Amino acid sequence: HHPQVDYKYYLDMMMHAAANHPSFKGLGKVGFWGTYAADEEIVRWSFRLMRHYAFEGNRNLLSEQYGFKYLPGHLQNADFSSGLDAWQSSGGIFVDCFPGYGKNSLRFHGSKGSGDTFAVFPRTKDACGELTQTARGLSKDRNYILYFYVGDQDDIINNRQNARQLGIDVEISNVEILQSTRYIGNNTKSNHAWPNTQKIIFKAQGDSAQLKFTSQKAEPGSSLVLNYISLRPYYDIETFSPETKP
């Protein structure tokens, strides 16, 4: 629920503690609750962690093998907690907050207020909003994953459930797009606004890439919101030798 953190490293920290801290001596069972609700990357990583610690009996952080960090640092102020610092904007974009948005619509379970702050893109007949930042510290030919959420401010304020594609898109320079998927919110169990989730996997072509978010496709008169812009190295499918034994 904190876009600056690589969740894979956080899960690794948990398993590392279970494998090393004396409080867990004699632990008979270990596992991750909620993997059924995770995406394919986190499902793969969860089982890779189990292999590393529970079956192979390792006690070192697995993340070090893959170069994962707790704070990748590719983007700054990715949750707009410091307004528009580190971003270049045009078209009247501003930062706002709606209490409960993170918990109710994004289904965050973190600290109070997590996910409630967002950048607002007011769309007029003549102008759209643009928000840009250069991602830094990338490694050429390495795969990365970008996540972000898009909502409709009017839906959020009025608890309106309207599943549709919302018109904030992103252009990423100096990368090869491997996969781009937009999930249209339609959580029938939620009585709150249904946001879009965008997931993009790309291969870096250099050590930096510019992200440009635009509301060009938004309906005139609408105010769409953007938050939780998470950029981190991607854990892809890998193969293991059948001769490898725990």
Protein backbone atom coordinates (compact mmCIF):
# COMPACT_ATOMS: atom_id res chain seq x y z
CA HIS A 1 0.00 0.00 0.00
CA HIS A 2 3.07 2.22 -0.13
CA PRO A 3 4.13 2.70 -3.77
CA GLN A 4 7.73 3.55 -2.92
CA VAL A 5 8.24 0.10 -1.34
CA ASP A 6 8.96 -3.06 -3.33
CA TYR A 7 6.47 -5.46 -1.74
CA LYS A 8 8.60 -8.43 -2.76
CA TYR A 9 11.38 -7.23 -0.46
CA TYR A 10 8.89 -6.69 2.37
CA LEU A 11 7.67 -10.31 2.08
CA ASP A 12 11.30 -11.43 2.07
CA MET A 13 11.91 -9.52 5.32
CA MET A 14 9.10 -11.50 6.97
CA MET A 15 10.48 -14.86 5.91
CA HIS A 16 14.02 -13.82 6.79
CA ALA A 17 12.87 -12.99 10.32
CA ALA A 18 11.12 -16.36 10.65
CA ALA A 19 14.28 -18.14 9.50
CA ASN A 20 16.69 -16.26 11.77
CA HIS A 21 15.09 -14.73 14.84
CA PRO A 22 15.19 -16.92 17.97
CA SER A 23 11.55 -16.11 18.72
CA PHE A 24 10.59 -18.40 15.80
CA LYS A 25 12.64 -21.40 16.92
CA GLY A 26 10.60 -24.56 16.58
CA LEU A 27 8.06 -22.96 14.26
CA GLY A 28 6.04 -25.79 12.78
CA LYS A 29 4.25 -24.08 9.93
CA VAL A 30 4.73 -20.96 7.81
CA GLY A 31 2.81 -19.45 4.90
CA PHE A 32 1.33 -16.31 3.36
CA TRP A 33 -2.29 -15.41 3.98
CA GLY A 34 -3.99 -13.79 1.01
CA THR A 35 -1.92 -15.16 -1.86
CA TYR A 36 -5.21 -16.06 -3.57
CA ALA A 37 -5.81 -12.32 -3.99
CA ALA A 38 -2.31 -11.48 -5.28
CA ASP A 39 -1.24 -10.95 -8.88
CA GLU A 40 0.87 -13.44 -10.81
CA GLU A 41 4.20 -11.83 -9.89
CA ILE A 42 3.57 -11.93 -6.14
CA VAL A 43 2.20 -15.49 -6.34
CA ARG A 44 5.42 -16.63 -8.04
CA TRP A 45 7.59 -14.71 -5.57
CA SER A 46 5.71 -16.11 -2.54
CA PHE A 47 6.41 -19.66 -3.63
CA ARG A 48 10.00 -18.79 -4.53
CA LEU A 49 10.46 -17.52 -0.97
CA MET A 50 9.00 -20.74 0.41
CA ARG A 51 11.44 -22.75 -1.66
CA HIS A 52 14.38 -20.62 -0.52
CA TYR A 53 13.66 -20.65 3.20
CA ALA A 54 11.37 -23.58 4.04
CA PHE A 55 12.64 -26.22 1.61
CA GLU A 56 16.25 -25.28 0.86
CA GLY A 57 16.83 -24.09 4.42
CA ASN A 58 18.56 -20.82 3.49
CA ARG A 59 18.83 -17.97 5.98
CA ASN A 60 20.01 -15.12 3.73
CA LEU A 61 17.72 -12.56 2.09
CA LEU A 62 16.67 -13.94 -1.29
CA SER A 63 16.18 -10.39 -2.60
CA GLU A 64 19.94 -9.88 -2.64
CA GLN A 65 20.24 -12.57 -5.32
CA TYR A 66 17.88 -10.61 -7.60
CA GLY A 67 18.99 -7.10 -6.73
CA PHE A 68 15.65 -6.16 -5.16
CA LYS A 69 15.64 -3.28 -2.66
CA TYR A 70 13.14 -2.20 -0.02
CA LEU A 71 13.06 1.27 -1.63
CA PRO A 72 13.88 0.99 -5.36
CA GLY A 73 13.89 4.81 -5.61
CA HIS A 74 13.06 5.03 -9.32
CA LEU A 75 10.29 7.59 -8.71
CA GLN A 76 9.88 10.33 -6.12
CA ASN A 77 6.68 11.41 -4.35
CA ALA A 78 4.72 8.63 -6.06
CA ASP A 79 1.76 8.97 -3.67
CA PHE A 80 1.60 12.80 -3.85
CA SER A 81 2.09 13.09 -0.10
CA SER A 82 4.28 16.15 -0.84
CA GLY A 83 1.92 17.73 -3.33
CA LEU A 84 3.36 17.86 -6.84
CA ASP A 85 7.01 17.90 -5.76
CA ALA A 86 9.25 16.04 -8.26
CA TRP A 87 6.52 16.21 -10.92
CA GLN A 88 6.10 18.59 -13.87
CA SER A 89 2.47 19.41 -14.52
CA SER A 90 0.25 21.35 -16.91
CA GLY A 91 -3.47 21.74 -17.45
CA GLY A 92 -4.45 22.75 -13.93
CA ILE A 93 -3.55 19.51 -12.14
CA PHE A 94 -3.73 19.75 -8.34
CA VAL A 95 -3.51 17.42 -5.35
CA ASP A 96 -6.55 16.60 -3.23
CA CYS A 97 -7.58 14.08 -0.59
CA PHE A 98 -10.75 12.11 0.07
CA PRO A 99 -10.84 10.28 3.43
CA GLY A 100 -11.56 6.58 3.01
CA TYR A 101 -10.78 6.33 -0.72
CA GLY A 102 -7.76 4.10 -0.12
CA LYS A 103 -9.62 1.78 2.24
CA ASN A 104 -13.01 1.69 0.54
CA SER A 105 -12.21 1.80 -3.18
CA LEU A 106 -8.58 0.65 -3.45
CA ARG A 107 -9.11 -1.93 -0.68
CA PHE A 108 -6.00 -0.83 1.23
CA HIS A 109 -5.61 -2.16 4.76
CA GLY A 110 -2.62 -0.08 5.79
CA SER A 111 -2.40 2.84 8.17
CA LYS A 112 -5.27 5.31 8.30
CA GLY A 113 -5.25 7.60 5.29
CA SER A 114 -3.14 5.32 3.10
CA GLY A 115 -4.20 5.83 -0.53
CA ASP A 116 -6.50 8.79 0.21
CA THR A 117 -4.34 11.42 -1.55
CA PHE A 118 -4.32 11.78 -5.34
CA ALA A 119 -3.58 14.10 -8.24
CA VAL A 120 -6.70 15.54 -9.89
CA PHE A 121 -6.83 15.97 -13.68
CA PRO A 122 -9.61 18.46 -14.53
CA ARG A 123 -10.62 18.01 -18.19
CA THR A 124 -12.09 20.91 -20.12
CA LYS A 125 -13.27 21.09 -23.70
CA ASP A 126 -10.05 22.80 -24.71
CA ALA A 127 -7.39 21.39 -22.39
CA CYS A 128 -6.25 18.19 -20.70
CA GLY A 129 -3.81 17.58 -17.86
CA GLU A 130 -0.28 16.24 -18.20
CA LEU A 131 1.97 15.03 -15.42
CA THR A 132 5.56 13.92 -16.05
CA GLN A 133 8.55 12.60 -14.14
CA THR A 134 11.76 10.85 -15.21
CA ALA A 135 12.30 7.43 -13.65
CA ARG A 136 15.98 7.00 -12.78
CA GLY A 137 18.34 4.25 -11.73
CA LEU A 138 17.03 1.67 -14.20
CA SER A 139 19.19 -1.11 -15.62
CA LYS A 140 19.27 -1.58 -19.38
CA ASP A 141 17.50 -4.76 -20.58
CA ARG A 142 15.96 -5.41 -17.17
CA ASN A 143 12.20 -5.85 -16.84
CA TYR A 144 10.15 -3.53 -14.62
CA ILE A 145 6.53 -3.34 -13.55
CA LEU A 146 4.50 -0.14 -13.25
CA TYR A 147 1.23 0.03 -11.32
CA PHE A 148 -1.14 2.94 -10.88
CA TYR A 149 -4.78 3.61 -10.03
CA VAL A 150 -7.23 5.90 -11.83
CA GLY A 151 -10.57 7.02 -10.38
CA ASP A 152 -13.36 9.47 -11.11
CA GLN A 153 -13.62 12.20 -8.46
CA ASP A 154 -17.38 12.55 -8.86
CA ASP A 155 -17.84 8.78 -8.43
CA ILE A 156 -15.67 8.90 -5.32
CA ILE A 157 -17.56 11.76 -3.70
CA ASN A 158 -20.97 10.26 -4.46
CA ASN A 159 -20.14 6.56 -3.88
CA ARG A 160 -21.15 5.81 -7.47
CA GLN A 161 -20.38 2.35 -8.89
CA ASN A 162 -19.77 2.77 -12.61
CA ALA A 163 -17.40 0.25 -14.19
CA ARG A 164 -15.77 1.78 -17.28
CA GLN A 165 -12.35 2.64 -18.64
CA LEU A 166 -11.25 6.00 -17.28
CA GLY A 167 -9.29 8.30 -19.54
CA ILE A 168 -5.88 8.72 -17.90
CA ASP A 169 -3.12 6.98 -19.85
CA VAL A 170 0.67 6.94 -19.60
CA GLU A 171 3.40 7.19 -22.21
CA ILE A 172 6.81 5.75 -21.27
CA SER A 173 9.88 6.72 -23.26
CA ASN A 174 13.01 4.64 -23.85
CA VAL A 175 11.40 1.27 -23.00
CA GLU A 176 9.96 -1.78 -24.74
CA ILE A 177 6.41 -2.47 -23.56
CA LEU A 178 5.98 -6.20 -22.90
CA GLN A 179 2.48 -6.15 -21.42
CA SER A 180 -0.13 -3.48 -20.73
CA THR A 181 -3.34 -4.42 -18.94
CA ARG A 182 -6.16 -2.21 -17.65
CA TYR A 183 -8.40 -3.76 -15.01
CA ILE A 184 -11.85 -2.16 -14.90
CA GLY A 185 -13.17 -2.00 -11.35
CA ASN A 186 -16.42 -3.91 -10.86
CA ASN A 187 -16.30 -5.08 -7.27
CA THR A 188 -19.95 -5.94 -6.71
CA LYS A 189 -19.30 -6.27 -2.96
CA SER A 190 -18.22 -2.62 -2.74
CA ASN A 191 -20.65 0.25 -2.28
CA HIS A 192 -17.93 2.73 -3.16
CA ALA A 193 -16.40 4.04 -6.38
CA TRP A 194 -14.78 1.48 -8.68
CA PRO A 195 -11.33 2.60 -9.91
CA ASN A 196 -9.18 1.30 -12.78
CA THR A 197 -5.91 -0.52 -12.14
CA GLN A 198 -3.21 -0.22 -14.81
CA LYS A 199 -0.37 -2.74 -14.93
CA ILE A 200 2.50 -2.31 -17.39
CA ILE A 201 5.53 -4.57 -17.74
CA PHE A 202 8.41 -3.16 -19.78
CA LYS A 203 12.07 -3.70 -20.60
CA ALA A 204 14.32 -0.70 -19.96
CA GLN A 205 16.40 0.53 -22.89
CA GLY A 206 18.64 2.70 -20.71
CA ASP A 207 19.12 3.97 -17.17
CA SER A 208 16.15 6.35 -17.28
CA ALA A 209 12.65 6.63 -18.76
CA GLN A 210 10.15 9.48 -18.81
CA LEU A 211 6.62 8.80 -17.61
CA LYS A 212 3.95 11.14 -18.98
CA PHE A 213 0.40 10.77 -17.66
CA THR A 214 -2.30 12.50 -19.70
CA SER A 215 -6.08 12.88 -19.52
CA GLN A 216 -6.41 13.44 -23.26
CA LYS A 217 -9.02 10.65 -23.54
CA ALA A 218 -11.08 11.84 -20.55
CA GLU A 219 -14.56 13.23 -21.10
CA PRO A 220 -14.74 17.06 -21.09
CA GLY A 221 -16.08 18.27 -17.76
CA SER A 222 -14.74 15.28 -15.84
CA SER A 223 -12.15 15.27 -13.06
CA LEU A 224 -10.18 12.05 -12.93
CA VAL A 225 -7.72 11.16 -10.16
CA LEU A 226 -4.38 9.34 -10.22
CA ASN A 227 -2.43 7.78 -7.35
CA TYR A 228 -0.26 4.88 -6.18
CA ILE A 229 2.33 5.07 -8.95
CA SER A 230 4.58 2.12 -8.18
CA LEU A 231 7.66 1.28 -10.27
CA ARG A 232 9.85 -1.64 -9.28
CA PRO A 233 11.91 -4.47 -10.82
CA TYR A 234 9.75 -7.33 -12.10
CA TYR A 235 10.10 -10.92 -10.92
CA ASP A 236 9.60 -12.92 -14.10
CA ILE A 237 9.12 -16.63 -14.73
CA GLU A 238 12.30 -18.63 -14.20
CA THR A 239 13.20 -22.28 -14.58
CA PHE A 240 14.95 -24.62 -12.17
CA SER A 241 17.02 -27.69 -12.89
CA PRO A 242 15.21 -30.95 -11.97
CA GLU A 243 18.49 -32.06 -10.36
CA THR A 244 18.27 -29.23 -7.82
CA LYS A 245 17.38 -30.75 -4.46
CA PRO A 246 16.42 -28.98 -1.23
